[in-house]
Structure formats: C-alpha cells, structure tokens
C-alpha cells in the first residue's frame, strides 16, 4: 500500500531522488530555463514537500509552494524511473491539488519544460485539468517553458 508523508530532507533517499530530478531538469532544458528548486529552496518556509513510498522504496516526490494566501505553485514533481507507470505521479499530484484546495487556494500554477522529455508530465497535468496560461509570478515568457494553471473550486462541505 502506498504511503504519502512529509519528505525528510535529511533522508539520503529523498536527497538522491531530488538530485536526480535537478540533474534531469537541467539536462533536458536549455541553460537558464530550468526552474526546479534545489535543496535550500525546498527548505523554505513557504514550501511543503512530500514523499510517496511503496513499502521502503521511494516512488515519488512533489512540492507545493505558496505564492500568496490564495495562490500556489506545483514544484519538484518527480517519479523514480524504476517505479513509473504505477500511478505514483497521479497520487502525488492529487495530494498537492487537495492540499492547495484545503489551504483555501483558488489557483494553482506550474512551470514545466517544453521539450519532448516533459511530454508525459504535460499529459499528466492536462489530465488533471491544468490548462496553458501566460507566465505567472516572477517568470518571464520563455520558449523552453510551458506555464499552466488550474482554478481550484472549493469542495462543498
């Protein structure tokens, strides 16, 4: 049974997967166009980071950064290569979306590379309702980036 929990940035398995994510993002994006957070960025007070485990095996990581009291950004989504196509990314993204909604956010955005390497992630985000949008926050238009947004409708409760 998968287990989702806050990520421990002192756990070497978490650090290794985050470093793989950074390496891949930078390798698959033009210089200056990779916006993945490094470890110090993920330790910021406005960032929440989670890990998805299959038993003792780290399957995926994902983060949510607060941009304002009503606006968040999906950050550092990455699935371990050996565990892809098992639903880990969907599980993590649903958790990030549900957390953003529970925090009262009305908008969730993300930036992702435009290169072919990122196509599966584009499909994941679009499959969860994200649509293309102009750059947000401190981002600037960049042909190497795609910007996406999701309007969060509160769940009646």
N, C-alpha and C. Protein backbone atom coordinates (compact mmCIF):
# COMPACT_ATOMS: atom_id res chain seq x y z
N UNK A 1 0.85 -1.19 0.00
CA UNK A 1 0.00 0.00 0.00
C UNK A 1 0.89 1.25 0.00
N UNK A 2 0.68 2.18 -0.92
CA UNK A 2 1.49 3.40 -0.95
C UNK A 2 1.28 4.22 0.33
N UNK A 3 2.34 4.88 0.74
CA UNK A 3 2.29 5.74 1.93
C UNK A 3 2.83 7.12 1.54
N UNK A 4 2.02 8.15 1.75
CA UNK A 4 2.40 9.51 1.44
C UNK A 4 2.66 10.24 2.75
N UNK A 5 3.81 10.92 2.86
CA UNK A 5 4.18 11.60 4.11
C UNK A 5 5.06 12.80 3.79
N UNK A 6 5.14 13.74 4.73
CA UNK A 6 6.09 14.84 4.53
C UNK A 6 7.49 14.26 4.26
N UNK A 7 8.19 14.85 3.31
CA UNK A 7 9.53 14.36 2.96
C UNK A 7 10.55 14.85 3.97
N UNK A 8 11.48 13.98 4.29
CA UNK A 8 12.57 14.29 5.20
C UNK A 8 13.80 14.64 4.37
N UNK A 9 14.17 15.91 4.37
CA UNK A 9 15.32 16.35 3.57
C UNK A 9 16.66 15.93 4.16
N UNK A 10 16.62 15.20 5.26
CA UNK A 10 17.84 14.60 5.81
C UNK A 10 17.94 13.12 5.45
N UNK A 11 16.92 12.59 4.78
CA UNK A 11 16.94 11.20 4.34
C UNK A 11 17.72 11.12 3.03
N UNK A 12 18.79 10.33 2.97
CA UNK A 12 19.60 10.27 1.75
C UNK A 12 18.84 9.78 0.53
N UNK A 13 17.78 8.98 0.72
CA UNK A 13 16.98 8.52 -0.42
C UNK A 13 16.19 9.68 -1.02
N UNK A 14 15.67 10.54 -0.18
CA UNK A 14 14.94 11.72 -0.65
C UNK A 14 15.91 12.66 -1.36
N UNK A 15 17.04 12.90 -0.74
CA UNK A 15 18.05 13.79 -1.34
C UNK A 15 18.50 13.26 -2.69
N UNK A 16 18.73 11.94 -2.79
CA UNK A 16 19.18 11.35 -4.06
C UNK A 16 18.13 11.54 -5.16
N UNK A 17 16.85 11.32 -4.84
CA UNK A 17 15.81 11.49 -5.86
C UNK A 17 15.68 12.96 -6.26
N UNK A 18 15.79 13.86 -5.30
CA UNK A 18 15.75 15.29 -5.62
C UNK A 18 16.93 15.69 -6.49
N UNK A 19 18.10 15.15 -6.21
CA UNK A 19 19.27 15.48 -7.03
C UNK A 19 19.12 14.93 -8.44
N UNK A 20 18.53 13.72 -8.58
CA UNK A 20 18.25 13.18 -9.90
C UNK A 20 17.29 14.09 -10.66
N UNK A 21 16.27 14.56 -9.94
CA UNK A 21 15.29 15.48 -10.54
C UNK A 21 15.97 16.75 -11.05
N UNK A 22 16.80 17.35 -10.22
CA UNK A 22 17.52 18.56 -10.64
C UNK A 22 18.42 18.29 -11.84
N UNK A 23 19.14 17.20 -11.79
CA UNK A 23 20.06 16.85 -12.88
C UNK A 23 19.29 16.67 -14.18
N UNK A 24 18.19 15.91 -14.12
CA UNK A 24 17.39 15.68 -15.32
C UNK A 24 16.76 16.97 -15.84
N UNK A 25 16.21 17.78 -14.94
CA UNK A 25 15.58 19.03 -15.36
C UNK A 25 16.58 19.93 -16.06
N UNK A 26 17.77 19.99 -15.52
CA UNK A 26 18.80 20.85 -16.12
C UNK A 26 19.35 20.26 -17.41
N UNK A 27 19.42 18.93 -17.47
CA UNK A 27 19.93 18.27 -18.68
C UNK A 27 18.92 18.36 -19.82
N UNK A 28 17.64 18.39 -19.50
CA UNK A 28 16.58 18.37 -20.51
C UNK A 28 16.00 19.75 -20.80
N UNK A 29 16.67 20.79 -20.35
CA UNK A 29 16.19 22.16 -20.55
C UNK A 29 17.36 23.03 -20.97
N UNK A 30 17.08 24.05 -21.74
CA UNK A 30 18.13 24.97 -22.16
C UNK A 30 18.73 25.67 -20.94
N UNK A 31 20.02 26.00 -21.00
CA UNK A 31 20.65 26.71 -19.87
C UNK A 31 19.87 27.98 -19.52
N UNK A 32 19.65 28.15 -18.21
CA UNK A 32 18.92 29.32 -17.73
C UNK A 32 17.41 29.16 -17.71
N UNK A 33 16.91 28.03 -18.22
CA UNK A 33 15.46 27.84 -18.29
C UNK A 33 14.95 26.78 -17.31
N UNK A 34 15.81 26.17 -16.53
CA UNK A 34 15.37 25.18 -15.54
C UNK A 34 15.06 25.91 -14.24
N UNK A 35 13.86 25.68 -13.71
CA UNK A 35 13.40 26.40 -12.53
C UNK A 35 13.13 25.49 -11.33
N UNK A 36 13.66 24.28 -11.38
CA UNK A 36 13.46 23.35 -10.26
C UNK A 36 14.18 23.88 -9.03
N UNK A 37 13.55 23.73 -7.87
CA UNK A 37 14.15 24.18 -6.62
C UNK A 37 15.26 23.23 -6.18
N UNK A 38 16.34 23.79 -5.68
CA UNK A 38 17.38 22.96 -5.08
C UNK A 38 17.01 22.67 -3.63
N UNK A 39 17.87 21.96 -2.90
CA UNK A 39 17.54 21.58 -1.53
C UNK A 39 17.28 22.78 -0.64
N UNK A 40 18.06 23.84 -0.80
CA UNK A 40 17.83 25.01 0.05
C UNK A 40 16.49 25.66 -0.28
N UNK A 41 16.11 25.68 -1.54
CA UNK A 41 14.81 26.22 -1.93
C UNK A 41 13.66 25.39 -1.38
N UNK A 42 13.85 24.08 -1.31
CA UNK A 42 12.81 23.20 -0.78
C UNK A 42 12.69 23.29 0.73
N UNK A 43 13.70 23.84 1.39
CA UNK A 43 13.65 24.02 2.85
C UNK A 43 12.95 25.33 3.24
N UNK A 44 12.59 26.15 2.27
CA UNK A 44 11.95 27.43 2.55
C UNK A 44 10.63 27.22 3.29
N UNK A 45 10.27 28.20 4.10
CA UNK A 45 9.04 28.11 4.92
C UNK A 45 7.78 28.04 4.08
N UNK A 46 7.83 28.58 2.87
CA UNK A 46 6.63 28.61 2.03
C UNK A 46 6.51 27.37 1.14
N UNK A 47 7.35 26.37 1.37
CA UNK A 47 7.33 25.14 0.55
C UNK A 47 7.00 23.94 1.43
N UNK A 48 6.08 23.13 0.94
CA UNK A 48 5.77 21.83 1.57
C UNK A 48 6.20 20.75 0.59
N UNK A 49 6.92 19.75 1.08
CA UNK A 49 7.44 18.68 0.24
C UNK A 49 6.97 17.34 0.79
N UNK A 50 6.51 16.47 -0.12
CA UNK A 50 6.04 15.15 0.28
C UNK A 50 6.79 14.07 -0.46
N UNK A 51 6.81 12.89 0.14
CA UNK A 51 7.39 11.70 -0.46
C UNK A 51 6.32 10.61 -0.50
N UNK A 52 6.29 9.87 -1.59
CA UNK A 52 5.39 8.74 -1.73
C UNK A 52 6.24 7.48 -1.71
N UNK A 53 5.91 6.59 -0.79
CA UNK A 53 6.69 5.37 -0.58
C UNK A 53 5.85 4.15 -0.95
N UNK A 54 6.48 3.19 -1.60
CA UNK A 54 5.93 1.84 -1.77
C UNK A 54 6.77 0.97 -0.84
N UNK A 55 6.22 0.62 0.28
CA UNK A 55 6.98 -0.05 1.35
C UNK A 55 8.16 0.85 1.72
N UNK A 56 9.39 0.39 1.57
CA UNK A 56 10.55 1.21 1.90
C UNK A 56 11.20 1.83 0.68
N UNK A 57 10.52 1.76 -0.46
CA UNK A 57 11.08 2.28 -1.70
C UNK A 57 10.44 3.63 -2.03
N UNK A 58 11.27 4.64 -2.23
CA UNK A 58 10.79 5.98 -2.55
C UNK A 58 10.34 6.01 -4.00
N UNK A 59 9.05 6.27 -4.20
CA UNK A 59 8.47 6.26 -5.54
C UNK A 59 8.43 7.64 -6.18
N UNK A 60 8.08 8.67 -5.38
CA UNK A 60 7.88 10.00 -5.97
C UNK A 60 8.03 11.09 -4.91
N UNK A 61 8.30 12.26 -5.40
CA UNK A 61 8.32 13.46 -4.58
C UNK A 61 7.45 14.51 -5.26
N UNK A 62 6.99 15.46 -4.47
CA UNK A 62 6.22 16.56 -5.00
C UNK A 62 6.16 17.67 -3.97
N UNK A 63 6.09 18.91 -4.44
CA UNK A 63 6.09 20.05 -3.53
C UNK A 63 5.02 21.05 -3.94
N UNK A 64 4.62 21.83 -2.96
CA UNK A 64 3.68 22.93 -3.14
C UNK A 64 4.30 24.17 -2.52
N UNK A 65 4.43 25.21 -3.33
CA UNK A 65 4.97 26.48 -2.84
C UNK A 65 3.85 27.50 -2.79
N UNK A 66 3.73 28.16 -1.66
CA UNK A 66 2.74 29.23 -1.51
C UNK A 66 3.25 30.47 -2.23
N UNK A 67 2.45 31.01 -3.12
CA UNK A 67 2.79 32.27 -3.80
C UNK A 67 2.06 33.43 -3.15
N UNK A 68 0.91 33.14 -2.56
CA UNK A 68 0.13 34.11 -1.79
C UNK A 68 -0.84 33.29 -0.94
N UNK A 69 -1.73 33.97 -0.25
CA UNK A 69 -2.69 33.24 0.58
C UNK A 69 -3.73 32.50 -0.25
N UNK A 70 -3.81 32.80 -1.56
CA UNK A 70 -4.81 32.16 -2.41
C UNK A 70 -4.23 31.49 -3.65
N UNK A 71 -2.90 31.44 -3.73
CA UNK A 71 -2.26 31.02 -4.98
C UNK A 71 -1.04 30.16 -4.65
N UNK A 72 -0.95 28.98 -5.27
CA UNK A 72 0.18 28.10 -5.05
C UNK A 72 0.81 27.65 -6.36
N UNK A 73 1.99 27.06 -6.24
CA UNK A 73 2.70 26.54 -7.41
C UNK A 73 3.16 25.11 -7.12
N UNK A 74 2.90 24.22 -8.08
CA UNK A 74 3.40 22.86 -8.02
C UNK A 74 4.89 22.90 -8.33
N UNK A 75 5.70 22.26 -7.48
CA UNK A 75 7.16 22.26 -7.67
C UNK A 75 7.69 20.83 -7.49
N UNK A 76 8.82 20.58 -8.11
CA UNK A 76 9.64 19.38 -7.85
C UNK A 76 8.90 18.06 -7.94
N UNK A 77 7.99 17.94 -8.89
CA UNK A 77 7.33 16.65 -9.11
C UNK A 77 8.31 15.73 -9.84
N UNK A 78 8.53 14.55 -9.28
CA UNK A 78 9.44 13.60 -9.93
C UNK A 78 9.13 12.20 -9.43
N UNK A 79 9.13 11.24 -10.34
CA UNK A 79 8.91 9.84 -10.00
C UNK A 79 10.18 9.06 -10.31
N UNK A 80 10.55 8.17 -9.40
CA UNK A 80 11.72 7.31 -9.61
C UNK A 80 11.51 6.51 -10.89
N UNK A 81 12.53 6.45 -11.74
CA UNK A 81 12.41 5.81 -13.05
C UNK A 81 11.91 4.37 -12.94
N UNK A 82 12.39 3.62 -11.97
CA UNK A 82 12.01 2.21 -11.83
C UNK A 82 10.56 2.03 -11.40
N UNK A 83 9.92 3.09 -10.92
CA UNK A 83 8.55 2.97 -10.40
C UNK A 83 7.54 3.77 -11.22
N UNK A 84 7.92 4.17 -12.42
CA UNK A 84 6.99 4.91 -13.27
C UNK A 84 5.91 3.99 -13.82
N UNK A 85 4.81 4.61 -14.20
CA UNK A 85 3.65 3.92 -14.78
C UNK A 85 2.92 3.04 -13.77
N UNK A 86 3.02 3.43 -12.50
CA UNK A 86 2.30 2.69 -11.45
C UNK A 86 1.35 3.60 -10.68
N UNK A 87 1.17 4.84 -11.16
CA UNK A 87 0.22 5.75 -10.54
C UNK A 87 0.81 6.68 -9.49
N UNK A 88 2.12 6.62 -9.28
CA UNK A 88 2.73 7.47 -8.24
C UNK A 88 2.57 8.95 -8.55
N UNK A 89 2.79 9.35 -9.78
CA UNK A 89 2.68 10.77 -10.14
C UNK A 89 1.25 11.25 -9.96
N UNK A 90 0.28 10.46 -10.37
CA UNK A 90 -1.13 10.84 -10.20
C UNK A 90 -1.47 10.97 -8.72
N UNK A 91 -1.00 10.03 -7.92
CA UNK A 91 -1.27 10.08 -6.48
C UNK A 91 -0.67 11.34 -5.87
N UNK A 92 0.57 11.64 -6.24
CA UNK A 92 1.24 12.82 -5.69
C UNK A 92 0.54 14.10 -6.15
N UNK A 93 0.22 14.19 -7.43
CA UNK A 93 -0.42 15.41 -7.93
C UNK A 93 -1.79 15.61 -7.28
N UNK A 94 -2.57 14.55 -7.13
CA UNK A 94 -3.86 14.69 -6.44
C UNK A 94 -3.66 15.20 -5.02
N UNK A 95 -2.62 14.72 -4.34
CA UNK A 95 -2.35 15.18 -2.98
C UNK A 95 -2.01 16.67 -2.97
N UNK A 96 -1.18 17.11 -3.90
CA UNK A 96 -0.81 18.53 -3.97
C UNK A 96 -2.05 19.37 -4.25
N UNK A 97 -2.88 18.94 -5.19
CA UNK A 97 -4.11 19.69 -5.51
C UNK A 97 -5.04 19.73 -4.30
N UNK A 98 -5.25 18.59 -3.66
CA UNK A 98 -6.14 18.54 -2.50
C UNK A 98 -5.62 19.42 -1.36
N UNK A 99 -4.29 19.43 -1.16
CA UNK A 99 -3.71 20.27 -0.11
C UNK A 99 -3.90 21.74 -0.43
N UNK A 100 -3.68 22.11 -1.69
CA UNK A 100 -3.88 23.51 -2.10
C UNK A 100 -5.33 23.93 -1.87
N UNK A 101 -6.24 23.08 -2.23
CA UNK A 101 -7.67 23.37 -2.04
C UNK A 101 -7.98 23.50 -0.55
N UNK A 102 -7.45 22.60 0.26
CA UNK A 102 -7.70 22.64 1.71
C UNK A 102 -7.12 23.90 2.34
N UNK A 103 -6.06 24.44 1.76
CA UNK A 103 -5.46 25.68 2.27
C UNK A 103 -6.22 26.91 1.82
N UNK A 104 -7.23 26.73 1.00
CA UNK A 104 -8.03 27.85 0.54
C UNK A 104 -7.51 28.51 -0.72
N UNK A 105 -6.56 27.88 -1.40
CA UNK A 105 -6.07 28.45 -2.64
C UNK A 105 -7.17 28.39 -3.69
N UNK A 106 -7.23 29.40 -4.53
CA UNK A 106 -8.19 29.41 -5.62
C UNK A 106 -7.52 29.17 -6.96
N UNK A 107 -6.18 29.20 -6.96
CA UNK A 107 -5.43 28.99 -8.19
C UNK A 107 -4.15 28.23 -7.89
N UNK A 108 -3.84 27.29 -8.78
CA UNK A 108 -2.62 26.51 -8.68
C UNK A 108 -1.93 26.58 -10.03
N UNK A 109 -0.67 26.93 -10.04
CA UNK A 109 0.08 27.07 -11.28
C UNK A 109 1.29 26.15 -11.27
N UNK A 110 1.90 26.03 -12.44
CA UNK A 110 3.17 25.34 -12.56
C UNK A 110 3.89 25.80 -13.80
N UNK A 111 5.20 25.59 -13.77
CA UNK A 111 6.06 25.83 -14.93
C UNK A 111 6.74 24.51 -15.21
N UNK A 112 6.81 24.16 -16.48
CA UNK A 112 7.45 22.90 -16.87
C UNK A 112 8.15 23.11 -18.20
N UNK A 113 9.19 22.33 -18.42
CA UNK A 113 9.92 22.43 -19.69
C UNK A 113 9.03 22.10 -20.88
N UNK A 114 9.36 22.68 -22.02
CA UNK A 114 8.58 22.48 -23.23
C UNK A 114 9.14 21.35 -24.11
N UNK A 115 10.28 20.80 -23.74
CA UNK A 115 10.94 19.80 -24.57
C UNK A 115 10.22 18.46 -24.51
N UNK A 116 10.50 17.59 -25.50
CA UNK A 116 9.83 16.29 -25.60
C UNK A 116 9.93 15.47 -24.33
N UNK A 117 11.03 15.54 -23.62
CA UNK A 117 11.22 14.79 -22.38
C UNK A 117 10.06 15.00 -21.41
N UNK A 118 9.47 16.19 -21.43
CA UNK A 118 8.43 16.55 -20.47
C UNK A 118 7.01 16.19 -20.94
N UNK A 119 6.85 15.64 -22.15
CA UNK A 119 5.50 15.35 -22.67
C UNK A 119 4.65 14.49 -21.75
N UNK A 120 5.18 13.43 -21.14
CA UNK A 120 4.33 12.66 -20.22
C UNK A 120 3.81 13.51 -19.06
N UNK A 121 4.63 14.42 -18.55
CA UNK A 121 4.18 15.30 -17.47
C UNK A 121 3.13 16.28 -17.98
N UNK A 122 3.29 16.79 -19.20
CA UNK A 122 2.27 17.69 -19.77
C UNK A 122 0.92 16.96 -19.77
N UNK A 123 0.94 15.70 -20.21
CA UNK A 123 -0.31 14.92 -20.28
C UNK A 123 -0.89 14.70 -18.88
N UNK A 124 -0.03 14.43 -17.91
CA UNK A 124 -0.49 14.25 -16.53
C UNK A 124 -1.21 15.50 -16.05
N UNK A 125 -0.58 16.66 -16.21
CA UNK A 125 -1.18 17.90 -15.72
C UNK A 125 -2.47 18.23 -16.46
N UNK A 126 -2.46 18.08 -17.78
CA UNK A 126 -3.68 18.36 -18.54
C UNK A 126 -4.80 17.40 -18.15
N UNK A 127 -4.44 16.16 -17.87
CA UNK A 127 -5.42 15.18 -17.44
C UNK A 127 -6.06 15.50 -16.10
N UNK A 128 -5.42 16.38 -15.33
CA UNK A 128 -5.97 16.81 -14.04
C UNK A 128 -6.59 18.20 -14.12
N UNK A 129 -6.77 18.70 -15.36
CA UNK A 129 -7.49 19.96 -15.55
C UNK A 129 -6.63 21.20 -15.73
N UNK A 130 -5.31 21.07 -15.68
CA UNK A 130 -4.46 22.23 -15.92
C UNK A 130 -4.54 22.63 -17.38
N UNK A 131 -4.52 23.94 -17.62
CA UNK A 131 -4.53 24.48 -18.98
C UNK A 131 -3.38 25.47 -19.11
N UNK A 132 -2.94 25.67 -20.34
CA UNK A 132 -1.85 26.61 -20.59
C UNK A 132 -2.28 28.01 -20.18
N UNK A 133 -1.30 28.79 -19.74
CA UNK A 133 -1.55 30.17 -19.31
C UNK A 133 -0.30 30.99 -19.56
N UNK A 134 -0.40 32.31 -19.42
CA UNK A 134 0.79 33.15 -19.53
C UNK A 134 1.70 32.93 -18.32
N UNK A 135 2.93 33.42 -18.40
CA UNK A 135 3.82 33.33 -17.23
C UNK A 135 3.17 33.98 -16.01
N UNK A 136 3.47 33.48 -14.85
CA UNK A 136 2.91 33.97 -13.59
C UNK A 136 4.06 34.27 -12.64
N UNK A 137 3.73 34.96 -11.56
CA UNK A 137 4.75 35.27 -10.55
C UNK A 137 5.94 35.99 -11.16
N UNK A 138 7.13 35.49 -10.87
CA UNK A 138 8.37 36.11 -11.37
C UNK A 138 8.86 35.52 -12.69
N UNK A 139 8.10 34.61 -13.28
CA UNK A 139 8.51 34.00 -14.54
C UNK A 139 8.35 34.98 -15.69
N UNK A 140 9.14 34.77 -16.70
CA UNK A 140 9.05 35.54 -17.94
C UNK A 140 8.80 34.55 -19.09
N UNK A 141 8.20 35.05 -20.16
CA UNK A 141 7.97 34.20 -21.33
C UNK A 141 9.28 33.57 -21.77
N UNK A 142 9.24 32.28 -22.10
CA UNK A 142 10.43 31.53 -22.45
C UNK A 142 9.98 30.38 -23.34
N UNK A 143 10.54 30.25 -24.54
CA UNK A 143 10.12 29.15 -25.42
C UNK A 143 10.46 27.77 -24.84
N UNK A 144 11.30 27.72 -23.83
CA UNK A 144 11.67 26.45 -23.20
C UNK A 144 10.76 26.09 -22.03
N UNK A 145 9.77 26.92 -21.76
CA UNK A 145 8.85 26.69 -20.65
C UNK A 145 7.40 26.70 -21.12
N UNK A 146 6.61 25.88 -20.46
CA UNK A 146 5.15 25.92 -20.60
C UNK A 146 4.61 26.28 -19.22
N UNK A 147 3.68 27.20 -19.18
CA UNK A 147 3.05 27.63 -17.93
C UNK A 147 1.62 27.12 -17.94
N UNK A 148 1.19 26.59 -16.80
CA UNK A 148 -0.14 26.01 -16.71
C UNK A 148 -0.82 26.48 -15.43
N UNK A 149 -2.15 26.46 -15.46
CA UNK A 149 -2.93 26.88 -14.31
C UNK A 149 -4.12 25.96 -14.12
N UNK A 150 -4.58 25.89 -12.88
CA UNK A 150 -5.76 25.13 -12.51
C UNK A 150 -6.56 26.00 -11.55
N UNK A 151 -7.80 26.29 -11.91
CA UNK A 151 -8.69 27.00 -11.00
C UNK A 151 -9.21 26.01 -9.99
N UNK A 152 -9.06 26.32 -8.72
CA UNK A 152 -9.50 25.41 -7.66
C UNK A 152 -10.86 25.85 -7.13
N UNK A 153 -11.81 24.99 -7.32
CA UNK A 153 -13.16 25.25 -6.84
C UNK A 153 -13.28 24.55 -5.49
N UNK A 154 -13.66 25.29 -4.46
CA UNK A 154 -13.80 24.65 -3.14
C UNK A 154 -14.81 23.50 -3.20
N UNK A 155 -14.49 22.44 -2.47
CA UNK A 155 -15.41 21.32 -2.36
C UNK A 155 -16.43 21.65 -1.29
N UNK A 156 -17.73 21.61 -1.63
CA UNK A 156 -18.74 21.92 -0.62
C UNK A 156 -18.62 20.95 0.56
N UNK A 157 -18.70 21.49 1.73
CA UNK A 157 -18.52 20.59 2.86
C UNK A 157 -19.37 20.95 3.97
